[in-house]
Amino acid sequence: MSEEKLRDYFDGRLTPKELTSDLKDSQKRTSYDVTTVYIKNIEDGEFEVKKEHLLQLCEDVITANLH
């Protein structure tokens, strides 16, 4: 997973399905109850995650658009 794709999702340029696909190979189970997600840092500046972004993420998980 990359921060750029996450930014694009929050900006509406990437669908929940595309974000799910990007996340797929970035997770690794590190113990029986812990999963670590590896994220490639953004290369072109910074992106501030706001409350609205987290609400969007939660909404997509609740409605099963993102899993």
C-alpha atoms as a PDB file:
ATOM      1  CA  MET A   1       0.000   0.000   0.000  1.00  0.00           C
ATOM      2  CA  SER A   2       1.167   3.513  -0.664  1.00  0.00           C
ATOM      3  CA  GLU A   3       0.302   6.821   0.952  1.00  0.00           C
ATOM      4  CA  GLU A   4      -0.285   8.205  -2.549  1.00  0.00           C
ATOM      5  CA  LYS A   5      -3.090   5.702  -3.169  1.00  0.00           C
ATOM      6  CA  LEU A   6      -4.593   6.457   0.226  1.00  0.00           C
ATOM      7  CA  ARG A   7      -4.492  10.180  -0.586  1.00  0.00           C
ATOM      8  CA  ASP A   8      -6.148   9.503  -3.940  1.00  0.00           C
ATOM      9  CA  TYR A   9      -8.895   7.513  -2.193  1.00  0.00           C
ATOM     10  CA  PHE A  10      -9.548  10.359   0.237  1.00  0.00           C
ATOM     11  CA  ASP A  11      -9.597  12.833  -2.657  1.00  0.00           C
ATOM     12  CA  GLY A  12     -12.108  10.687  -4.589  1.00  0.00           C
ATOM     13  CA  ARG A  13      -9.688   9.677  -7.354  1.00  0.00           C
ATOM     14  CA  LEU A  14      -9.518   6.035  -6.232  1.00  0.00           C
ATOM     15  CA  THR A  15     -12.503   3.779  -5.557  1.00  0.00           C
ATOM     16  CA  PRO A  16     -12.814   1.695  -2.387  1.00  0.00           C
ATOM     17  CA  LYS A  17     -12.330  -1.413  -4.536  1.00  0.00           C
ATOM     18  CA  GLU A  18      -9.060  -0.043  -5.938  1.00  0.00           C
ATOM     19  CA  LEU A  19      -7.858   0.841  -2.423  1.00  0.00           C
ATOM     20  CA  THR A  20      -8.704  -2.679  -1.232  1.00  0.00           C
ATOM     21  CA  SER A  21      -6.656  -4.087  -4.097  1.00  0.00           C
ATOM     22  CA  ASP A  22      -3.684  -1.883  -3.187  1.00  0.00           C
ATOM     23  CA  LEU A  23      -3.915  -2.960   0.463  1.00  0.00           C
ATOM     24  CA  LYS A  24      -4.092  -6.682  -0.330  1.00  0.00           C
ATOM     25  CA  ASP A  25      -0.376  -7.492  -0.493  1.00  0.00           C
ATOM     26  CA  SER A  26       0.767  -5.032   2.170  1.00  0.00           C
ATOM     27  CA  GLN A  27      -0.541  -6.933   5.198  1.00  0.00           C
ATOM     28  CA  LYS A  28       1.534  -9.440   7.132  1.00  0.00           C
ATOM     29  CA  ARG A  29       0.463 -11.419  10.174  1.00  0.00           C
ATOM     30  CA  THR A  30       3.183 -10.868  12.772  1.00  0.00           C
ATOM     31  CA  SER A  31       1.625 -12.941  15.561  1.00  0.00           C
ATOM     32  CA  TYR A  32      -1.575 -14.858  16.179  1.00  0.00           C
ATOM     33  CA  ASP A  33      -3.570 -11.687  16.917  1.00  0.00           C
ATOM     34  CA  VAL A  34      -1.540  -8.946  15.205  1.00  0.00           C
ATOM     35  CA  THR A  35      -1.491  -7.909  11.554  1.00  0.00           C
ATOM     36  CA  THR A  36       1.020  -5.305  10.404  1.00  0.00           C
ATOM     37  CA  VAL A  37       0.363  -3.111   7.372  1.00  0.00           C
ATOM     38  CA  TYR A  38       3.391  -1.897   5.426  1.00  0.00           C
ATOM     39  CA  ILE A  39       2.892   1.478   3.747  1.00  0.00           C
ATOM     40  CA  LYS A  40       5.163   3.154   1.202  1.00  0.00           C
ATOM     41  CA  ASN A  41       5.667   6.803   2.157  1.00  0.00           C
ATOM     42  CA  ILE A  42       4.408   9.561  -0.091  1.00  0.00           C
ATOM     43  CA  GLU A  43       7.134  11.017  -2.300  1.00  0.00           C
ATOM     44  CA  ASP A  44       5.609  14.326  -3.392  1.00  0.00           C
ATOM     45  CA  GLY A  45       5.029  16.266  -0.178  1.00  0.00           C
ATOM     46  CA  GLU A  46       2.654  15.532   2.659  1.00  0.00           C
ATOM     47  CA  PHE A  47      -1.031  14.793   3.077  1.00  0.00           C
ATOM     48  CA  GLU A  48      -3.019  15.648   6.184  1.00  0.00           C
ATOM     49  CA  VAL A  49      -5.641  13.081   7.190  1.00  0.00           C
ATOM     50  CA  LYS A  50      -8.673  14.918   8.551  1.00  0.00           C
ATOM     51  CA  LYS A  51     -11.708  13.830  10.513  1.00  0.00           C
ATOM     52  CA  GLU A  52     -13.768  13.763   7.304  1.00  0.00           C
ATOM     53  CA  HIS A  53     -11.339  11.271   5.767  1.00  0.00           C
ATOM     54  CA  LEU A  54     -11.645   8.915   8.732  1.00  0.00           C
ATOM     55  CA  LEU A  55     -15.432   9.160   8.598  1.00  0.00           C
ATOM     56  CA  GLN A  56     -15.326   8.309   4.883  1.00  0.00           C
ATOM     57  CA  LEU A  57     -13.121   5.310   5.613  1.00  0.00           C
ATOM     58  CA  CYS A  58     -15.452   4.093   8.389  1.00  0.00           C
ATOM     59  CA  GLU A  59     -18.515   4.572   6.182  1.00  0.00           C
ATOM     60  CA  ASP A  60     -16.975   2.519   3.366  1.00  0.00           C
ATOM     61  CA  VAL A  61     -16.113  -0.288   5.815  1.00  0.00           C
ATOM     62  CA  ILE A  62     -19.604  -0.260   7.406  1.00  0.00           C
ATOM     63  CA  THR A  63     -21.330  -0.371   4.004  1.00  0.00           C
ATOM     64  CA  ALA A  64     -18.945  -3.153   2.860  1.00  0.00           C
ATOM     65  CA  ASN A  65     -17.491  -1.036   0.042  1.00  0.00           C
ATOM     66  CA  LEU A  66     -14.054  -1.456   1.603  1.00  0.00           C
ATOM     67  CA  HIS A  67     -12.832  -4.685   3.174  1.00  0.00           C
END
